[in-house]
Amino acid sequence: MSESATKQSSIANKLPWLLTPVFLVILSIGIAMLVYLLMPTHRLQNYLNIAFMDNLKVQSTTAGLNIINKDIDTNGNKETTTVGEVLYPHFGEQCATLICEEIDLTVGVYYGTTTELLALGACQSTQNKVIGDTGNVVISAHVNTFFADLSKMKVGDTVTLYTEYGIFTYRAKEAIRFQKTDKSYVTNTSTDKLTLYTCEADILGNSDTRIGMICEPISKLYYVTTEVKE
């Protein structure tokens, strides 16, 4: 056998071994993509820790963070009034429960934005107005978990925020789409509104695009409190 034929035979024998790693990588990527598409979002939370990349995040982890979970009443049976005061929450405290029946969304809202809090629910920005105040209330969550169906919200849908001091109801007014560097939607304003947003779903990884909904207030009810006189 000639030297040339010997070399060709050697290469042919090695070719399967060389292609096997490439095939395994392609197969792994395919399986991962299939799992991503088929696995329910509530189970993805246990497997994914995709960073929500925006400047509203204080930091990825917070030393000494005191997370306070609360059982906030969503029955609406308490006496209310149209005038009242908000209770300013502590950082890491669950400050509300957000409900949008049209997209079957019920999620706890925590005050502050960190990786730990985003794993528990939606997060209210500390740089904006507190729920019940006049101005821009900004709430965000992961698209892979709690705000997975935010893109399904339509203009006219109702969003209700239940807190310990009142019930605040909004109507979806305008769908938004913006880049993470665009802070115009998350800055404080004199206009009373609720801004909900999340990352745009991207199967290849983190997206620099944000999607969401601006909601206008239609009802602000504060619980009537009875002061005990001494």
C-alpha atoms as a PDB file:
ATOM      1  CA  MET A   1       0.000   0.000   0.000  1.00  0.00           C
ATOM      2  CA  SER A   2       1.339   3.406  -0.907  1.00  0.00           C
ATOM      3  CA  GLU A   3       2.193   6.013   1.699  1.00  0.00           C
ATOM      4  CA  SER A   4      -0.644   8.256   0.448  1.00  0.00           C
ATOM      5  CA  ALA A   5      -3.166   5.455   0.754  1.00  0.00           C
ATOM      6  CA  THR A   6      -1.915   4.672   4.257  1.00  0.00           C
ATOM      7  CA  LYS A   7      -2.431   8.288   5.357  1.00  0.00           C
ATOM      8  CA  GLN A   8      -5.947   8.368   3.889  1.00  0.00           C
ATOM      9  CA  SER A   9      -6.832   5.145   5.685  1.00  0.00           C
ATOM     10  CA  SER A  10      -5.488   6.537   8.965  1.00  0.00           C
ATOM     11  CA  ILE A  11      -7.539   9.716   8.598  1.00  0.00           C
ATOM     12  CA  ALA A  12     -10.669   7.730   7.769  1.00  0.00           C
ATOM     13  CA  ASN A  13     -10.180   5.632  10.910  1.00  0.00           C
ATOM     14  CA  LYS A  14      -9.777   8.733  13.099  1.00  0.00           C
ATOM     15  CA  LEU A  15     -12.668  10.688  11.568  1.00  0.00           C
ATOM     16  CA  PRO A  16     -15.450   9.123  13.723  1.00  0.00           C
ATOM     17  CA  TRP A  17     -13.474   9.916  16.863  1.00  0.00           C
ATOM     18  CA  LEU A  18     -12.995  13.507  15.768  1.00  0.00           C
ATOM     19  CA  LEU A  19     -16.666  14.042  14.882  1.00  0.00           C
ATOM     20  CA  THR A  20     -18.091  12.401  18.000  1.00  0.00           C
ATOM     21  CA  PRO A  21     -17.466  15.416  20.347  1.00  0.00           C
ATOM     22  CA  VAL A  22     -19.020  17.767  17.795  1.00  0.00           C
ATOM     23  CA  PHE A  23     -22.085  15.548  17.507  1.00  0.00           C
ATOM     24  CA  LEU A  24     -22.430  15.346  21.298  1.00  0.00           C
ATOM     25  CA  VAL A  25     -22.269  19.140  21.633  1.00  0.00           C
ATOM     26  CA  ILE A  26     -24.955  19.615  18.969  1.00  0.00           C
ATOM     27  CA  LEU A  27     -27.115  16.947  20.612  1.00  0.00           C
ATOM     28  CA  SER A  28     -26.751  18.569  24.048  1.00  0.00           C
ATOM     29  CA  ILE A  29     -27.747  21.979  22.687  1.00  0.00           C
ATOM     30  CA  GLY A  30     -30.775  20.456  20.981  1.00  0.00           C
ATOM     31  CA  ILE A  31     -31.904  18.701  24.164  1.00  0.00           C
ATOM     32  CA  ALA A  32     -31.420  21.887  26.207  1.00  0.00           C
ATOM     33  CA  MET A  33     -33.505  23.913  23.757  1.00  0.00           C
ATOM     34  CA  LEU A  34     -36.247  21.278  23.796  1.00  0.00           C
ATOM     35  CA  VAL A  35     -36.339  21.253  27.613  1.00  0.00           C
ATOM     36  CA  TYR A  36     -36.466  25.062  27.646  1.00  0.00           C
ATOM     37  CA  LEU A  37     -39.478  25.091  25.338  1.00  0.00           C
ATOM     38  CA  LEU A  38     -41.413  22.252  26.982  1.00  0.00           C
ATOM     39  CA  MET A  39     -40.710  22.629  30.695  1.00  0.00           C
ATOM     40  CA  PRO A  40     -43.350  24.624  32.650  1.00  0.00           C
ATOM     41  CA  THR A  41     -42.182  28.041  33.802  1.00  0.00           C
ATOM     42  CA  HIS A  42     -42.690  27.237  37.480  1.00  0.00           C
ATOM     43  CA  ARG A  43     -40.156  24.395  37.138  1.00  0.00           C
ATOM     44  CA  LEU A  44     -37.730  26.533  35.203  1.00  0.00           C
ATOM     45  CA  GLN A  45     -37.364  28.624  38.329  1.00  0.00           C
ATOM     46  CA  ASN A  46     -35.619  25.710  39.991  1.00  0.00           C
ATOM     47  CA  TYR A  47     -33.121  25.265  37.158  1.00  0.00           C
ATOM     48  CA  LEU A  48     -32.475  28.712  35.800  1.00  0.00           C
ATOM     49  CA  ASN A  49     -30.885  31.703  37.459  1.00  0.00           C
ATOM     50  CA  ILE A  50     -30.896  34.193  34.634  1.00  0.00           C
ATOM     51  CA  ALA A  51     -29.737  37.595  35.810  1.00  0.00           C
ATOM     52  CA  PHE A  52     -32.201  40.417  35.334  1.00  0.00           C
ATOM     53  CA  MET A  53     -29.690  42.912  33.947  1.00  0.00           C
ATOM     54  CA  ASP A  54     -30.747  46.434  34.759  1.00  0.00           C
ATOM     55  CA  ASN A  55     -29.553  49.243  36.965  1.00  0.00           C
ATOM     56  CA  LEU A  56     -32.510  48.843  39.305  1.00  0.00           C
ATOM     57  CA  LYS A  57     -30.875  45.732  40.747  1.00  0.00           C
ATOM     58  CA  VAL A  58     -29.030  46.719  43.929  1.00  0.00           C
ATOM     59  CA  GLN A  59     -26.593  43.817  43.650  1.00  0.00           C
ATOM     60  CA  SER A  60     -26.613  40.117  42.867  1.00  0.00           C
ATOM     61  CA  THR A  61     -26.525  39.121  46.519  1.00  0.00           C
ATOM     62  CA  THR A  62     -27.254  41.205  49.593  1.00  0.00           C
ATOM     63  CA  ALA A  63     -25.389  40.514  52.800  1.00  0.00           C
ATOM     64  CA  GLY A  64     -27.700  40.400  55.802  1.00  0.00           C
ATOM     65  CA  LEU A  65     -30.878  40.659  53.683  1.00  0.00           C
ATOM     66  CA  ASN A  66     -33.902  40.165  55.918  1.00  0.00           C
ATOM     67  CA  ILE A  67     -36.672  38.707  53.764  1.00  0.00           C
ATOM     68  CA  ILE A  68     -40.139  39.098  55.261  1.00  0.00           C
ATOM     69  CA  ASN A  69     -42.965  37.055  53.746  1.00  0.00           C
ATOM     70  CA  LYS A  70     -46.514  38.141  54.532  1.00  0.00           C
ATOM     71  CA  ASP A  71     -50.006  36.742  54.124  1.00  0.00           C
ATOM     72  CA  ILE A  72     -51.626  39.793  52.553  1.00  0.00           C
ATOM     73  CA  ASP A  73     -55.415  39.814  52.488  1.00  0.00           C
ATOM     74  CA  THR A  74     -56.806  39.735  48.937  1.00  0.00           C
ATOM     75  CA  ASN A  75     -60.464  39.293  49.871  1.00  0.00           C
ATOM     76  CA  GLY A  76     -61.193  43.016  49.986  1.00  0.00           C
ATOM     77  CA  ASN A  77     -63.662  42.753  52.866  1.00  0.00           C
ATOM     78  CA  LYS A  78     -62.211  45.580  54.947  1.00  0.00           C
ATOM     79  CA  GLU A  79     -63.739  49.037  55.168  1.00  0.00           C
ATOM     80  CA  THR A  80     -62.045  51.470  52.797  1.00  0.00           C
ATOM     81  CA  THR A  81     -61.831  55.166  52.039  1.00  0.00           C
ATOM     82  CA  THR A  82     -60.479  57.153  49.105  1.00  0.00           C
ATOM     83  CA  VAL A  83     -58.112  59.116  51.345  1.00  0.00           C
ATOM     84  CA  GLY A  84     -55.371  57.527  53.366  1.00  0.00           C
ATOM     85  CA  GLU A  85     -51.673  57.023  53.986  1.00  0.00           C
ATOM     86  CA  VAL A  86     -49.246  54.462  52.664  1.00  0.00           C
ATOM     87  CA  LEU A  87     -47.053  52.296  54.877  1.00  0.00           C
ATOM     88  CA  TYR A  88     -43.456  52.414  53.705  1.00  0.00           C
ATOM     89  CA  PRO A  89     -42.057  48.881  53.612  1.00  0.00           C
ATOM     90  CA  HIS A  90     -38.635  47.696  54.733  1.00  0.00           C
ATOM     91  CA  PHE A  91     -36.157  46.481  52.156  1.00  0.00           C
ATOM     92  CA  GLY A  92     -36.785  42.780  51.537  1.00  0.00           C
ATOM     93  CA  GLU A  93     -40.352  42.889  52.848  1.00  0.00           C
ATOM     94  CA  GLN A  94     -43.304  41.578  50.880  1.00  0.00           C
ATOM     95  CA  CYS A  95     -45.282  44.757  50.334  1.00  0.00           C
ATOM     96  CA  ALA A  96     -48.138  43.585  48.094  1.00  0.00           C
ATOM     97  CA  THR A  97     -49.829  40.836  46.158  1.00  0.00           C
ATOM     98  CA  LEU A  98     -50.318  41.550  42.454  1.00  0.00           C
ATOM     99  CA  ILE A  99     -53.256  39.968  40.636  1.00  0.00           C
ATOM    100  CA  CYS A 100     -54.180  40.125  36.951  1.00  0.00           C
ATOM    101  CA  GLU A 101     -56.985  37.644  36.310  1.00  0.00           C
ATOM    102  CA  GLU A 102     -56.886  38.041  32.520  1.00  0.00           C
ATOM    103  CA  ILE A 103     -53.468  36.390  32.327  1.00  0.00           C
ATOM    104  CA  ASP A 104     -53.969  34.209  35.428  1.00  0.00           C
ATOM    105  CA  LEU A 105     -51.228  36.036  37.331  1.00  0.00           C
ATOM    106  CA  THR A 106     -50.975  36.122  41.115  1.00  0.00           C
ATOM    107  CA  VAL A 107     -47.591  36.983  42.579  1.00  0.00           C
ATOM    108  CA  GLY A 108     -46.131  38.441  45.745  1.00  0.00           C
ATOM    109  CA  VAL A 109     -44.331  41.766  45.395  1.00  0.00           C
ATOM    110  CA  TYR A 110     -41.181  42.463  47.398  1.00  0.00           C
ATOM    111  CA  TYR A 111     -39.658  45.855  48.169  1.00  0.00           C
ATOM    112  CA  GLY A 112     -36.220  45.998  46.571  1.00  0.00           C
ATOM    113  CA  THR A 113     -34.616  44.253  43.614  1.00  0.00           C
ATOM    114  CA  THR A 114     -32.005  41.556  44.235  1.00  0.00           C
ATOM    115  CA  THR A 115     -31.394  38.047  42.957  1.00  0.00           C
ATOM    116  CA  GLU A 116     -32.845  36.586  46.148  1.00  0.00           C
ATOM    117  CA  LEU A 117     -36.041  38.621  45.922  1.00  0.00           C
ATOM    118  CA  LEU A 118     -36.483  37.985  42.194  1.00  0.00           C
ATOM    119  CA  ALA A 119     -36.405  34.270  42.976  1.00  0.00           C
ATOM    120  CA  LEU A 120     -39.363  34.743  45.332  1.00  0.00           C
ATOM    121  CA  GLY A 121     -41.643  36.974  43.283  1.00  0.00           C
ATOM    122  CA  ALA A 122     -41.951  40.347  41.593  1.00  0.00           C
ATOM    123  CA  CYS A 123     -39.907  43.289  42.858  1.00  0.00           C
ATOM    124  CA  GLN A 124     -40.844  46.912  43.413  1.00  0.00           C
ATOM    125  CA  SER A 125     -38.100  49.403  42.668  1.00  0.00           C
ATOM    126  CA  THR A 126     -36.964  51.401  45.697  1.00  0.00           C
ATOM    127  CA  GLN A 127     -36.022  54.255  43.363  1.00  0.00           C
ATOM    128  CA  ASN A 128     -39.648  54.934  42.486  1.00  0.00           C
ATOM    129  CA  LYS A 129     -42.918  55.645  44.260  1.00  0.00           C
ATOM    130  CA  VAL A 130     -44.368  53.287  46.836  1.00  0.00           C
ATOM    131  CA  ILE A 131     -47.679  51.618  45.967  1.00  0.00           C
ATOM    132  CA  GLY A 132     -50.458  54.076  46.769  1.00  0.00           C
ATOM    133  CA  ASP A 133     -48.282  57.169  46.332  1.00  0.00           C
ATOM    134  CA  THR A 134     -48.823  59.498  43.395  1.00  0.00           C
ATOM    135  CA  GLY A 135     -46.233  58.877  40.697  1.00  0.00           C
ATOM    136  CA  ASN A 136     -44.593  56.002  38.875  1.00  0.00           C
ATOM    137  CA  VAL A 137     -44.759  52.649  40.693  1.00  0.00           C
ATOM    138  CA  VAL A 138     -42.311  50.278  38.974  1.00  0.00           C
ATOM    139  CA  ILE A 139     -42.512  46.493  39.362  1.00  0.00           C
ATOM    140  CA  SER A 140     -40.376  43.903  37.542  1.00  0.00           C
ATOM    141  CA  ALA A 141     -39.870  40.121  37.560  1.00  0.00           C
ATOM    142  CA  HIS A 142     -38.100  37.387  35.602  1.00  0.00           C
ATOM    143  CA  VAL A 143     -39.600  36.475  32.240  1.00  0.00           C
ATOM    144  CA  ASN A 144     -38.719  32.829  32.902  1.00  0.00           C
ATOM    145  CA  THR A 145     -40.773  32.670  36.078  1.00  0.00           C
ATOM    146  CA  PHE A 146     -43.355  35.067  37.473  1.00  0.00           C
ATOM    147  CA  PHE A 147     -43.732  37.430  34.502  1.00  0.00           C
ATOM    148  CA  ALA A 148     -43.639  34.667  31.891  1.00  0.00           C
ATOM    149  CA  ASP A 149     -47.094  35.703  30.630  1.00  0.00           C
ATOM    150  CA  LEU A 150     -46.685  39.457  30.938  1.00  0.00           C
ATOM    151  CA  SER A 151     -46.469  39.702  27.145  1.00  0.00           C
ATOM    152  CA  LYS A 152     -50.023  38.299  27.000  1.00  0.00           C
ATOM    153  CA  MET A 153     -51.453  41.255  28.917  1.00  0.00           C
ATOM    154  CA  LYS A 154     -53.662  43.409  26.722  1.00  0.00           C
ATOM    155  CA  VAL A 155     -54.757  47.020  26.864  1.00  0.00           C
ATOM    156  CA  GLY A 156     -57.841  47.159  29.058  1.00  0.00           C
ATOM    157  CA  ASP A 157     -56.815  44.309  31.378  1.00  0.00           C
ATOM    158  CA  THR A 158     -57.094  44.991  35.102  1.00  0.00           C
ATOM    159  CA  VAL A 159     -54.186  44.838  37.557  1.00  0.00           C
ATOM    160  CA  THR A 160     -54.858  44.986  41.300  1.00  0.00           C
ATOM    161  CA  LEU A 161     -52.274  45.502  44.017  1.00  0.00           C
ATOM    162  CA  TYR A 162     -53.346  44.384  47.477  1.00  0.00           C
ATOM    163  CA  THR A 163     -51.334  45.834  50.356  1.00  0.00           C
ATOM    164  CA  GLU A 164     -51.668  45.948  54.139  1.00  0.00           C
ATOM    165  CA  TYR A 165     -53.006  49.494  53.896  1.00  0.00           C
ATOM    166  CA  GLY A 166     -55.247  49.389  50.847  1.00  0.00           C
ATOM    167  CA  ILE A 167     -56.276  48.112  47.430  1.00  0.00           C
ATOM    168  CA  PHE A 168     -55.003  49.817  44.280  1.00  0.00           C
ATOM    169  CA  THR A 169     -56.471  48.953  40.901  1.00  0.00           C
ATOM    170  CA  TYR A 170     -55.078  49.826  37.490  1.00  0.00           C
ATOM    171  CA  ARG A 171     -56.098  49.380  33.866  1.00  0.00           C
ATOM    172  CA  ALA A 172     -53.493  48.384  31.257  1.00  0.00           C
ATOM    173  CA  LYS A 173     -53.064  51.376  28.966  1.00  0.00           C
ATOM    174  CA  GLU A 174     -49.966  51.003  26.790  1.00  0.00           C
ATOM    175  CA  ALA A 175     -47.681  48.109  25.876  1.00  0.00           C
ATOM    176  CA  ILE A 176     -44.015  49.127  25.907  1.00  0.00           C
ATOM    177  CA  ARG A 177     -40.784  47.764  24.462  1.00  0.00           C
ATOM    178  CA  PHE A 178     -37.432  49.387  25.190  1.00  0.00           C
ATOM    179  CA  GLN A 179     -33.727  48.759  25.604  1.00  0.00           C
ATOM    180  CA  LYS A 180     -32.261  48.192  29.063  1.00  0.00           C
ATOM    181  CA  THR A 181     -30.252  51.404  28.701  1.00  0.00           C
ATOM    182  CA  ASP A 182     -33.453  53.410  28.210  1.00  0.00           C
ATOM    183  CA  LYS A 183     -34.552  54.597  31.649  1.00  0.00           C
ATOM    184  CA  SER A 184     -37.396  56.826  30.487  1.00  0.00           C
ATOM    185  CA  TYR A 185     -40.043  54.285  31.488  1.00  0.00           C
ATOM    186  CA  VAL A 186     -38.663  53.645  34.976  1.00  0.00           C
ATOM    187  CA  THR A 187     -37.960  57.185  36.145  1.00  0.00           C
ATOM    188  CA  ASN A 188     -40.150  59.077  38.592  1.00  0.00           C
ATOM    189  CA  THR A 189     -42.952  61.130  37.090  1.00  0.00           C
ATOM    190  CA  SER A 190     -45.741  63.371  38.314  1.00  0.00           C
ATOM    191  CA  THR A 191     -48.171  61.188  36.378  1.00  0.00           C
ATOM    192  CA  ASP A 192     -49.832  58.527  38.505  1.00  0.00           C
ATOM    193  CA  LYS A 193     -49.174  55.131  36.890  1.00  0.00           C
ATOM    194  CA  LEU A 194     -47.986  51.565  37.335  1.00  0.00           C
ATOM    195  CA  THR A 195     -45.161  50.276  35.134  1.00  0.00           C
ATOM    196  CA  LEU A 196     -44.718  46.517  34.811  1.00  0.00           C
ATOM    197  CA  TYR A 197     -41.805  45.106  32.837  1.00  0.00           C
ATOM    198  CA  THR A 198     -39.534  42.135  32.265  1.00  0.00           C
ATOM    199  CA  CYS A 199     -36.855  40.932  29.847  1.00  0.00           C
ATOM    200  CA  GLU A 200     -37.983  39.962  26.374  1.00  0.00           C
ATOM    201  CA  ALA A 201     -37.867  36.168  26.094  1.00  0.00           C
ATOM    202  CA  ASP A 202     -34.760  35.038  24.227  1.00  0.00           C
ATOM    203  CA  ILE A 203     -33.911  31.361  23.845  1.00  0.00           C
ATOM    204  CA  LEU A 204     -30.236  32.196  23.280  1.00  0.00           C
ATOM    205  CA  GLY A 205     -29.785  33.884  26.656  1.00  0.00           C
ATOM    206  CA  ASN A 206     -30.247  37.267  28.292  1.00  0.00           C
ATOM    207  CA  SER A 207     -31.932  39.905  26.183  1.00  0.00           C
ATOM    208  CA  ASP A 208     -31.125  43.609  26.252  1.00  0.00           C
ATOM    209  CA  THR A 209     -34.732  44.350  25.324  1.00  0.00           C
ATOM    210  CA  ARG A 210     -37.437  44.956  27.907  1.00  0.00           C
ATOM    211  CA  ILE A 211     -41.171  44.536  27.404  1.00  0.00           C
ATOM    212  CA  GLY A 212     -44.007  45.587  29.646  1.00  0.00           C
ATOM    213  CA  MET A 213     -47.184  47.521  30.216  1.00  0.00           C
ATOM    214  CA  ILE A 214     -48.006  50.980  31.522  1.00  0.00           C
ATOM    215  CA  CYS A 215     -51.193  50.971  33.592  1.00  0.00           C
ATOM    216  CA  GLU A 216     -53.358  53.881  34.695  1.00  0.00           C
ATOM    217  CA  PRO A 217     -55.067  54.012  38.111  1.00  0.00           C
ATOM    218  CA  ILE A 218     -58.828  53.495  38.203  1.00  0.00           C
ATOM    219  CA  SER A 219     -59.284  52.998  41.942  1.00  0.00           C
ATOM    220  CA  LYS A 220     -57.205  53.822  45.021  1.00  0.00           C
ATOM    221  CA  LEU A 221     -58.778  52.606  48.248  1.00  0.00           C
ATOM    222  CA  TYR A 222     -57.132  52.850  51.646  1.00  0.00           C
ATOM    223  CA  TYR A 223     -58.186  50.754  54.611  1.00  0.00           C
ATOM    224  CA  VAL A 224     -59.945  52.638  57.397  1.00  0.00           C
ATOM    225  CA  THR A 225     -57.885  52.469  60.577  1.00  0.00           C
ATOM    226  CA  THR A 226     -59.198  53.045  64.085  1.00  0.00           C
ATOM    227  CA  GLU A 227     -56.868  54.885  66.382  1.00  0.00           C
ATOM    228  CA  VAL A 228     -57.099  53.885  70.010  1.00  0.00           C
ATOM    229  CA  LYS A 229     -57.191  56.914  72.251  1.00  0.00           C
ATOM    230  CA  GLU A 230     -55.533  56.616  75.629  1.00  0.00           C
END
